[in-house]
C-alpha atoms as a PDB file:
ATOM      1  CA  MET A   1      84.655 -60.938 -23.418  1.00  0.00           C
ATOM      2  CA  SER A   2      82.977 -58.592 -25.888  1.00  0.00           C
ATOM      3  CA  SER A   3      85.014 -56.098 -27.902  1.00  0.00           C
ATOM      4  CA  HIS A   4      85.149 -52.465 -26.894  1.00  0.00           C
ATOM      5  CA  VAL A   5      82.757 -49.944 -28.409  1.00  0.00           C
ATOM      6  CA  ILE A   6      85.623 -47.569 -29.261  1.00  0.00           C
ATOM      7  CA  ARG A   7      88.806 -49.026 -30.713  1.00  0.00           C
ATOM      8  CA  ALA A   8      91.056 -46.205 -29.571  1.00  0.00           C
ATOM      9  CA  GLU A   9      92.415 -46.475 -26.053  1.00  0.00           C
ATOM     10  CA  ARG A  10      91.629 -42.844 -25.220  1.00  0.00           C
ATOM     11  CA  SER A  11      89.246 -40.311 -26.669  1.00  0.00           C
ATOM     12  CA  ILE A  12      86.783 -37.503 -26.075  1.00  0.00           C
ATOM     13  CA  ILE A  13      83.073 -38.123 -26.658  1.00  0.00           C
ATOM     14  CA  PRO A  14      80.937 -35.044 -27.318  1.00  0.00           C
ATOM     15  CA  ALA A  15      77.662 -35.374 -25.388  1.00  0.00           C
ATOM     16  CA  CYS A  16      75.322 -33.896 -27.948  1.00  0.00           C
ATOM     17  CA  ASP A  17      72.321 -32.771 -25.912  1.00  0.00           C
ATOM     18  CA  VAL A  18      71.407 -30.240 -28.572  1.00  0.00           C
ATOM     19  CA  GLU A  19      68.932 -29.815 -31.409  1.00  0.00           C
ATOM     20  CA  ILE A  20      69.564 -31.529 -34.721  1.00  0.00           C
ATOM     21  CA  GLY A  21      71.010 -28.488 -36.525  1.00  0.00           C
ATOM     22  CA  ALA A  22      73.617 -27.952 -33.823  1.00  0.00           C
ATOM     23  CA  PHE A  23      74.380 -31.685 -33.846  1.00  0.00           C
ATOM     24  CA  GLU A  24      75.158 -31.510 -37.547  1.00  0.00           C
ATOM     25  CA  ASP A  25      77.502 -28.570 -36.975  1.00  0.00           C
ATOM     26  CA  ILE A  26      79.279 -30.352 -34.096  1.00  0.00           C
ATOM     27  CA  VAL A  27      79.765 -33.576 -36.024  1.00  0.00           C
ATOM     28  CA  ARG A  28      80.877 -31.837 -39.205  1.00  0.00           C
ATOM     29  CA  GLU A  29      83.455 -29.720 -37.352  1.00  0.00           C
ATOM     30  CA  THR A  30      84.824 -32.398 -34.992  1.00  0.00           C
ATOM     31  CA  ALA A  31      84.703 -35.641 -36.987  1.00  0.00           C
ATOM     32  CA  GLY A  32      88.189 -34.956 -38.324  1.00  0.00           C
ATOM     33  CA  VAL A  33      89.683 -34.565 -34.845  1.00  0.00           C
ATOM     34  CA  GLU A  34      91.602 -37.772 -34.247  1.00  0.00           C
ATOM     35  CA  GLY A  35      90.922 -37.810 -30.509  1.00  0.00           C
ATOM     36  CA  VAL A  36      87.131 -37.683 -30.893  1.00  0.00           C
ATOM     37  CA  GLY A  37      86.150 -41.319 -30.494  1.00  0.00           C
ATOM     38  CA  ALA A  38      82.349 -41.326 -30.684  1.00  0.00           C
ATOM     39  CA  TYR A  39      79.243 -39.200 -30.246  1.00  0.00           C
ATOM     40  CA  LYS A  40      76.740 -39.581 -27.426  1.00  0.00           C
ATOM     41  CA  VAL A  41      73.130 -38.725 -28.232  1.00  0.00           C
ATOM     42  CA  GLY A  42      69.991 -38.868 -26.150  1.00  0.00           C
ATOM     43  CA  VAL A  43      66.520 -37.632 -25.441  1.00  0.00           C
ATOM     44  CA  SER A  44      67.032 -34.188 -26.981  1.00  0.00           C
ATOM     45  CA  PHE A  45      66.359 -35.868 -30.341  1.00  0.00           C
ATOM     46  CA  LEU A  46      63.020 -37.421 -29.457  1.00  0.00           C
ATOM     47  CA  ASP A  47      61.275 -34.886 -31.686  1.00  0.00           C
ATOM     48  CA  VAL A  48      63.225 -35.767 -34.844  1.00  0.00           C
ATOM     49  CA  GLY A  49      64.052 -39.397 -34.132  1.00  0.00           C
ATOM     50  CA  LEU A  50      67.248 -41.420 -34.119  1.00  0.00           C
ATOM     51  CA  SER A  51      67.087 -42.119 -37.846  1.00  0.00           C
ATOM     52  CA  ALA A  52      67.655 -38.423 -38.531  1.00  0.00           C
ATOM     53  CA  VAL A  53      70.550 -38.407 -36.079  1.00  0.00           C
ATOM     54  CA  MET A  54      72.146 -41.394 -37.773  1.00  0.00           C
ATOM     55  CA  ASP A  55      71.730 -39.796 -41.205  1.00  0.00           C
ATOM     56  CA  VAL A  56      73.875 -36.905 -39.981  1.00  0.00           C
ATOM     57  CA  ALA A  57      76.447 -39.217 -38.413  1.00  0.00           C
ATOM     58  CA  ARG A  58      76.768 -41.299 -41.579  1.00  0.00           C
ATOM     59  CA  ARG A  59      77.263 -38.190 -43.724  1.00  0.00           C
ATOM     60  CA  PHE A  60      79.969 -36.595 -41.629  1.00  0.00           C
ATOM     61  CA  ALA A  61      81.443 -39.155 -39.228  1.00  0.00           C
ATOM     62  CA  GLU A  62      81.293 -42.559 -40.888  1.00  0.00           C
ATOM     63  CA  GLY A  63      83.290 -45.034 -38.810  1.00  0.00           C
ATOM     64  CA  LYS A  64      82.804 -43.256 -35.481  1.00  0.00           C
ATOM     65  CA  PRO A  65      80.277 -44.946 -33.181  1.00  0.00           C
ATOM     66  CA  VAL A  66      77.077 -43.279 -32.055  1.00  0.00           C
ATOM     67  CA  ILE A  67      76.139 -44.142 -28.480  1.00  0.00           C
ATOM     68  CA  TYR A  68      72.559 -43.741 -27.324  1.00  0.00           C
ATOM     69  CA  ASP A  69      71.954 -42.680 -23.723  1.00  0.00           C
ATOM     70  CA  HIS A  70      68.291 -42.706 -22.758  1.00  0.00           C
ATOM     71  CA  GLN A  71      68.874 -41.048 -19.350  1.00  0.00           C
ATOM     72  CA  LYS A  72      68.434 -43.713 -17.958  1.00  0.00           C
ATOM     73  CA  ALA A  73      67.749 -46.931 -19.837  1.00  0.00           C
ATOM     74  CA  GLY A  74      67.563 -50.267 -18.082  1.00  0.00           C
ATOM     75  CA  THR A  75      65.154 -49.216 -15.351  1.00  0.00           C
ATOM     76  CA  ASP A  76      61.854 -50.542 -16.699  1.00  0.00           C
ATOM     77  CA  ILE A  77      60.376 -54.034 -16.424  1.00  0.00           C
ATOM     78  CA  HIS A  78      62.390 -56.986 -17.667  1.00  0.00           C
ATOM     79  CA  GLU A  79      59.735 -58.571 -19.900  1.00  0.00           C
ATOM     80  CA  LYS A  80      59.509 -57.544 -23.576  1.00  0.00           C
ATOM     81  CA  THR A  81      60.443 -53.894 -22.960  1.00  0.00           C
ATOM     82  CA  PRO A  82      64.203 -54.460 -23.328  1.00  0.00           C
ATOM     83  CA  GLU A  83      63.728 -56.372 -26.593  1.00  0.00           C
ATOM     84  CA  ASP A  84      61.497 -53.627 -28.004  1.00  0.00           C
ATOM     85  CA  PHE A  85      63.990 -50.959 -26.940  1.00  0.00           C
ATOM     86  CA  MET A  86      66.956 -52.733 -28.506  1.00  0.00           C
ATOM     87  CA  ASP A  87      65.022 -53.452 -31.703  1.00  0.00           C
ATOM     88  CA  SER A  88      64.458 -49.725 -32.110  1.00  0.00           C
ATOM     89  CA  MET A  89      68.177 -49.084 -31.584  1.00  0.00           C
ATOM     90  CA  VAL A  90      69.073 -51.571 -34.320  1.00  0.00           C
ATOM     91  CA  ARG A  91      66.497 -50.139 -36.737  1.00  0.00           C
ATOM     92  CA  ALA A  92      67.900 -46.639 -36.191  1.00  0.00           C
ATOM     93  CA  GLY A  93      71.455 -47.867 -36.692  1.00  0.00           C
ATOM     94  CA  VAL A  94      73.086 -46.799 -33.418  1.00  0.00           C
ATOM     95  CA  HIS A  95      76.157 -48.732 -32.356  1.00  0.00           C
ATOM     96  CA  ALA A  96      75.891 -48.915 -28.565  1.00  0.00           C
ATOM     97  CA  VAL A  97      73.631 -48.129 -25.623  1.00  0.00           C
ATOM     98  CA  ILE A  98      74.287 -46.856 -22.124  1.00  0.00           C
ATOM     99  CA  LEU A  99      72.418 -48.633 -19.329  1.00  0.00           C
ATOM    100  CA  PHE A 100      72.061 -47.445 -15.732  1.00  0.00           C
ATOM    101  CA  PRO A 101      70.296 -50.472 -14.194  1.00  0.00           C
ATOM    102  CA  GLN A 102      68.915 -48.863 -11.051  1.00  0.00           C
ATOM    103  CA  ALA A 103      65.803 -51.092 -10.986  1.00  0.00           C
ATOM    104  CA  GLY A 104      67.643 -54.188  -9.807  1.00  0.00           C
ATOM    105  CA  PRO A 105      69.652 -57.191 -11.012  1.00  0.00           C
ATOM    106  CA  VAL A 106      66.870 -59.018 -12.857  1.00  0.00           C
ATOM    107  CA  THR A 107      66.128 -55.976 -14.979  1.00  0.00           C
ATOM    108  CA  GLN A 108      69.846 -55.387 -15.510  1.00  0.00           C
ATOM    109  CA  TYR A 109      70.379 -58.951 -16.677  1.00  0.00           C
ATOM    110  CA  GLU A 110      67.524 -58.893 -19.184  1.00  0.00           C
ATOM    111  CA  TRP A 111      68.316 -55.454 -20.622  1.00  0.00           C
ATOM    112  CA  THR A 112      71.987 -56.351 -20.982  1.00  0.00           C
ATOM    113  CA  ARG A 113      71.185 -59.685 -22.578  1.00  0.00           C
ATOM    114  CA  ALA A 114      68.724 -58.050 -25.000  1.00  0.00           C
ATOM    115  CA  ALA A 115      71.407 -55.618 -26.176  1.00  0.00           C
ATOM    116  CA  GLN A 116      74.009 -58.341 -26.508  1.00  0.00           C
ATOM    117  CA  ASN A 117      71.608 -60.541 -28.459  1.00  0.00           C
ATOM    118  CA  GLU A 118      71.149 -57.708 -30.961  1.00  0.00           C
ATOM    119  CA  GLY A 119      74.893 -57.209 -31.322  1.00  0.00           C
ATOM    120  CA  LEU A 120      74.813 -53.768 -29.728  1.00  0.00           C
ATOM    121  CA  GLY A 121      77.677 -52.448 -27.663  1.00  0.00           C
ATOM    122  CA  VAL A 122      76.759 -52.251 -23.977  1.00  0.00           C
ATOM    123  CA  ILE A 123      78.125 -49.577 -21.640  1.00  0.00           C
ATOM    124  CA  VAL A 124      76.960 -49.938 -18.039  1.00  0.00           C
ATOM    125  CA  GLY A 125      76.953 -47.177 -15.449  1.00  0.00           C
ATOM    126  CA  GLY A 126      76.499 -47.406 -11.704  1.00  0.00           C
ATOM    127  CA  GLU A 127      77.496 -44.296  -9.776  1.00  0.00           C
ATOM    128  CA  MET A 128      76.554 -40.891 -11.130  1.00  0.00           C
ATOM    129  CA  THR A 129      78.117 -37.468 -10.743  1.00  0.00           C
ATOM    130  CA  HIS A 130      75.355 -35.446  -9.126  1.00  0.00           C
ATOM    131  CA  PRO A 131      74.817 -34.885  -5.373  1.00  0.00           C
ATOM    132  CA  ARG A 132      72.557 -37.011  -3.150  1.00  0.00           C
ATOM    133  CA  TYR A 133      72.663 -39.997  -5.471  1.00  0.00           C
ATOM    134  CA  LEU A 134      73.737 -42.517  -2.828  1.00  0.00           C
ATOM    135  CA  GLU A 135      72.195 -42.824   0.600  1.00  0.00           C
ATOM    136  CA  SER A 136      75.631 -42.170   2.098  1.00  0.00           C
ATOM    137  CA  ASP A 137      76.064 -38.852   0.261  1.00  0.00           C
ATOM    138  CA  VAL A 138      76.067 -35.733   2.421  1.00  0.00           C
ATOM    139  CA  SER A 139      74.788 -32.369   1.274  1.00  0.00           C
ATOM    140  CA  GLU A 140      77.471 -29.828   0.513  1.00  0.00           C
ATOM    141  CA  GLY A 141      78.094 -26.762  -1.617  1.00  0.00           C
ATOM    142  CA  LYS A 142      75.206 -25.629  -3.795  1.00  0.00           C
ATOM    143  CA  ASP A 143      73.316 -28.781  -2.903  1.00  0.00           C
ATOM    144  CA  LYS A 144      72.685 -27.426   0.607  1.00  0.00           C
ATOM    145  CA  ASN A 145      70.104 -25.068  -0.883  1.00  0.00           C
ATOM    146  CA  TYR A 146      67.836 -28.057  -1.442  1.00  0.00           C
ATOM    147  CA  THR A 147      67.654 -28.706   2.285  1.00  0.00           C
ATOM    148  CA  ASN A 148      65.692 -25.469   2.641  1.00  0.00           C
ATOM    149  CA  ILE A 149      63.603 -26.249  -0.442  1.00  0.00           C
ATOM    150  CA  PHE A 150      62.606 -29.638   0.966  1.00  0.00           C
ATOM    151  CA  ALA A 151      61.874 -28.057   4.352  1.00  0.00           C
ATOM    152  CA  ASP A 152      59.535 -25.570   2.688  1.00  0.00           C
ATOM    153  CA  LEU A 153      57.677 -28.570   1.244  1.00  0.00           C
ATOM    154  CA  GLY A 154      57.078 -29.848   4.761  1.00  0.00           C
ATOM    155  CA  ILE A 155      59.843 -32.473   4.873  1.00  0.00           C
ATOM    156  CA  ASP A 156      61.407 -32.180   8.313  1.00  0.00           C
ATOM    157  CA  ARG A 157      64.270 -34.648   7.801  1.00  0.00           C
ATOM    158  CA  GLU A 158      67.393 -34.711   5.676  1.00  0.00           C
ATOM    159  CA  MET A 159      66.543 -36.045   2.220  1.00  0.00           C
ATOM    160  CA  ARG A 160      69.328 -38.418   1.273  1.00  0.00           C
ATOM    161  CA  GLY A 161      70.164 -40.257  -1.923  1.00  0.00           C
ATOM    162  CA  TYR A 162      67.807 -43.092  -2.839  1.00  0.00           C
ATOM    163  CA  LEU A 163      70.408 -45.772  -3.583  1.00  0.00           C
ATOM    164  CA  ARG A 164      72.316 -47.756  -0.990  1.00  0.00           C
ATOM    165  CA  GLU A 165      76.052 -47.199  -0.928  1.00  0.00           C
ATOM    166  CA  PHE A 166      77.008 -50.542  -2.454  1.00  0.00           C
ATOM    167  CA  ALA A 167      74.430 -50.540  -5.276  1.00  0.00           C
ATOM    168  CA  PRO A 168      76.795 -49.200  -7.974  1.00  0.00           C
ATOM    169  CA  GLY A 169      79.334 -51.891  -7.153  1.00  0.00           C
ATOM    170  CA  ASP A 170      76.680 -54.560  -7.609  1.00  0.00           C
ATOM    171  CA  MET A 171      75.723 -53.048 -10.979  1.00  0.00           C
ATOM    172  CA  TYR A 172      79.329 -53.066 -12.161  1.00  0.00           C
ATOM    173  CA  GLU A 173      79.937 -56.604 -10.911  1.00  0.00           C
ATOM    174  CA  LEU A 174      76.917 -58.110 -12.677  1.00  0.00           C
ATOM    175  CA  ALA A 175      77.851 -56.272 -15.859  1.00  0.00           C
ATOM    176  CA  ALA A 176      81.400 -57.596 -15.705  1.00  0.00           C
ATOM    177  CA  ARG A 177      80.212 -61.157 -15.073  1.00  0.00           C
ATOM    178  CA  MET A 178      78.032 -60.871 -18.194  1.00  0.00           C
ATOM    179  CA  GLY A 179      80.991 -59.943 -20.380  1.00  0.00           C
ATOM    180  CA  VAL A 180      80.526 -56.177 -20.463  1.00  0.00           C
ATOM    181  CA  THR A 181      83.889 -54.444 -20.882  1.00  0.00           C
ATOM    182  CA  ASP A 182      82.802 -50.782 -21.048  1.00  0.00           C
ATOM    183  CA  PHE A 183      81.624 -48.841 -18.005  1.00  0.00           C
ATOM    184  CA  VAL A 184      80.439 -45.332 -17.114  1.00  0.00           C
ATOM    185  CA  MET A 185      82.135 -44.025 -13.964  1.00  0.00           C
ATOM    186  CA  PRO A 186      81.980 -40.501 -12.480  1.00  0.00           C
ATOM    187  CA  GLY A 187      84.749 -38.309 -13.869  1.00  0.00           C
ATOM    188  CA  ASN A 188      84.546 -35.870 -10.964  1.00  0.00           C
ATOM    189  CA  LYS A 189      85.272 -38.705  -8.507  1.00  0.00           C
ATOM    190  CA  PRO A 190      88.664 -40.192  -9.512  1.00  0.00           C
ATOM    191  CA  ASP A 191      88.944 -42.220  -6.288  1.00  0.00           C
ATOM    192  CA  ALA A 192      85.659 -43.926  -7.151  1.00  0.00           C
ATOM    193  CA  ILE A 193      86.974 -44.716 -10.637  1.00  0.00           C
ATOM    194  CA  VAL A 194      90.023 -46.418  -9.120  1.00  0.00           C
ATOM    195  CA  ALA A 195      87.862 -48.537  -6.793  1.00  0.00           C
ATOM    196  CA  TYR A 196      85.293 -49.536  -9.408  1.00  0.00           C
ATOM    197  CA  ARG A 197      87.958 -50.308 -11.993  1.00  0.00           C
ATOM    198  CA  LYS A 198      89.623 -52.708  -9.545  1.00  0.00           C
ATOM    199  CA  LEU A 199      86.240 -54.324  -8.925  1.00  0.00           C
ATOM    200  CA  VAL A 200      85.552 -55.094 -12.582  1.00  0.00           C
ATOM    201  CA  VAL A 201      89.111 -56.328 -13.121  1.00  0.00           C
ATOM    202  CA  ASP A 202      88.691 -58.657 -10.147  1.00  0.00           C
ATOM    203  CA  CYS A 203      85.482 -59.880 -11.830  1.00  0.00           C
ATOM    204  CA  GLY A 204      87.387 -60.932 -14.936  1.00  0.00           C
ATOM    205  CA  VAL A 205      87.540 -57.845 -17.178  1.00  0.00           C
ATOM    206  CA  ASP A 206      91.232 -57.670 -18.011  1.00  0.00           C
ATOM    207  CA  ASP A 207      91.099 -54.478 -20.066  1.00  0.00           C
ATOM    208  CA  PRO A 208      88.132 -52.312 -19.001  1.00  0.00           C
ATOM    209  CA  ALA A 209      87.236 -49.115 -20.823  1.00  0.00           C
ATOM    210  CA  ILE A 210      86.084 -46.298 -18.568  1.00  0.00           C
ATOM    211  CA  TYR A 211      83.696 -43.625 -19.843  1.00  0.00           C
ATOM    212  CA  SER A 212      83.450 -40.591 -17.599  1.00  0.00           C
ATOM    213  CA  PRO A 213      80.974 -37.703 -17.521  1.00  0.00           C
ATOM    214  CA  GLY A 214      81.217 -34.982 -14.909  1.00  0.00           C
ATOM    215  CA  LEU A 215      84.141 -33.323 -16.671  1.00  0.00           C
ATOM    216  CA  VAL A 216      84.809 -29.618 -17.275  1.00  0.00           C
ATOM    217  CA  ALA A 217      81.410 -28.080 -16.417  1.00  0.00           C
ATOM    218  CA  GLN A 218      80.874 -30.390 -13.412  1.00  0.00           C
ATOM    219  CA  GLY A 219      84.341 -29.878 -12.019  1.00  0.00           C
ATOM    220  CA  GLY A 220      86.143 -33.034 -13.098  1.00  0.00           C
ATOM    221  CA  GLU A 221      89.551 -32.756 -14.758  1.00  0.00           C
ATOM    222  CA  ILE A 222      90.074 -34.880 -17.852  1.00  0.00           C
ATOM    223  CA  SER A 223      93.682 -35.634 -16.901  1.00  0.00           C
ATOM    224  CA  ASP A 224      92.645 -36.790 -13.396  1.00  0.00           C
ATOM    225  CA  GLY A 225      89.966 -39.092 -14.775  1.00  0.00           C
ATOM    226  CA  ALA A 226      92.353 -40.489 -17.363  1.00  0.00           C
ATOM    227  CA  ARG A 227      94.978 -41.307 -14.742  1.00  0.00           C
ATOM    228  CA  ALA A 228      92.413 -43.038 -12.529  1.00  0.00           C
ATOM    229  CA  ALA A 229      90.977 -45.053 -15.427  1.00  0.00           C
ATOM    230  CA  GLY A 230      94.257 -46.493 -16.594  1.00  0.00           C
ATOM    231  CA  LYS A 231      94.804 -47.706 -20.144  1.00  0.00           C
ATOM    232  CA  ARG A 232      91.352 -47.080 -21.670  1.00  0.00           C
ATOM    233  CA  PHE A 233      89.583 -43.806 -20.944  1.00  0.00           C
ATOM    234  CA  HIS A 234      86.903 -41.891 -22.810  1.00  0.00           C
ATOM    235  CA  GLY A 235      85.904 -38.489 -21.449  1.00  0.00           C
ATOM    236  CA  ILE A 236      82.263 -37.562 -22.041  1.00  0.00           C
ATOM    237  CA  VAL A 237      82.061 -33.790 -22.469  1.00  0.00           C
ATOM    238  CA  GLY A 238      78.887 -31.801 -23.039  1.00  0.00           C
ATOM    239  CA  ARG A 239      78.981 -28.081 -22.396  1.00  0.00           C
ATOM    240  CA  GLY A 240      82.775 -28.024 -22.700  1.00  0.00           C
ATOM    241  CA  ILE A 241      82.186 -28.502 -26.423  1.00  0.00           C
ATOM    242  CA  THR A 242      78.545 -27.780 -27.240  1.00  0.00           C
ATOM    243  CA  GLN A 243      78.558 -24.302 -25.681  1.00  0.00           C
ATOM    244  CA  LYS A 244      81.763 -23.182 -27.369  1.00  0.00           C
ATOM    245  CA  SER A 245      81.765 -20.979 -30.454  1.00  0.00           C
ATOM    246  CA  ASN A 246      84.423 -23.129 -32.156  1.00  0.00           C
ATOM    247  CA  TYR A 247      83.583 -26.810 -31.727  1.00  0.00           C
ATOM    248  CA  ARG A 248      86.727 -28.095 -33.398  1.00  0.00           C
ATOM    249  CA  ALA A 249      89.079 -25.942 -31.341  1.00  0.00           C
ATOM    250  CA  ALA A 250      87.330 -27.002 -28.140  1.00  0.00           C
ATOM    251  CA  ALA A 251      87.589 -30.671 -29.091  1.00  0.00           C
ATOM    252  CA  GLU A 252      91.276 -30.333 -29.981  1.00  0.00           C
ATOM    253  CA  GLU A 253      92.018 -28.623 -26.672  1.00  0.00           C
ATOM    254  CA  LEU A 254      90.217 -31.322 -24.700  1.00  0.00           C
ATOM    255  CA  THR A 255      91.846 -34.207 -26.540  1.00  0.00           C
ATOM    256  CA  SER A 256      95.253 -32.719 -25.757  1.00  0.00           C
ATOM    257  CA  GLN A 257      94.529 -33.391 -22.062  1.00  0.00           C
ATOM    258  CA  LEU A 258      94.174 -37.139 -22.533  1.00  0.00           C
END
């Protein structure tokens, strides 16, 4: 089995969907917080590039991994594209990538293998936090408003999630069989975390690390997600940190809930 991306058993990961100046402020103010385990970056930095992001991380948070989330990588064709993608990650200097392989098992296999061949950490997600993701999801709460929106567009049936109910389980299983030990699971669905964690353990991952978005702003409690995940849990928090006036204080408060 591959080693975990984050050495600590539990941590908070700021999801830095911000511009580069704000990213520098967040990293500078939170790098000294022991419970901050890594930083997640993504498409908000397409204008400046990952090299600029890594320059900031090396100046202020040397030793803490930077995880790139392409929202969502691992969904394109399986020939050459994954190698090109991973080459760019290595050139930039990021430590790990998040894959959500919704395009099928062949694509998942090749994207995962390309990352592993480059020595990158691989974190695989399956189920997401938002409504109407799975075909079995029912509309509820604020999501019901979309039923009227779709009707106004001339769609006279209930628009359901595009993925079959068991698709996330298949994604997690293939990842586990390939030696992946780190997984993204929905923090606002602790029962799902329990079920998926059991699945990957049954597939041979003795000590899985669970990364969970959907916390704070999306209604998930860090303590609930941590209990469901077991030994290794990393809470991915965006607005709960990035929209606070004091980044360090917010990070310290959140890490206290681990």
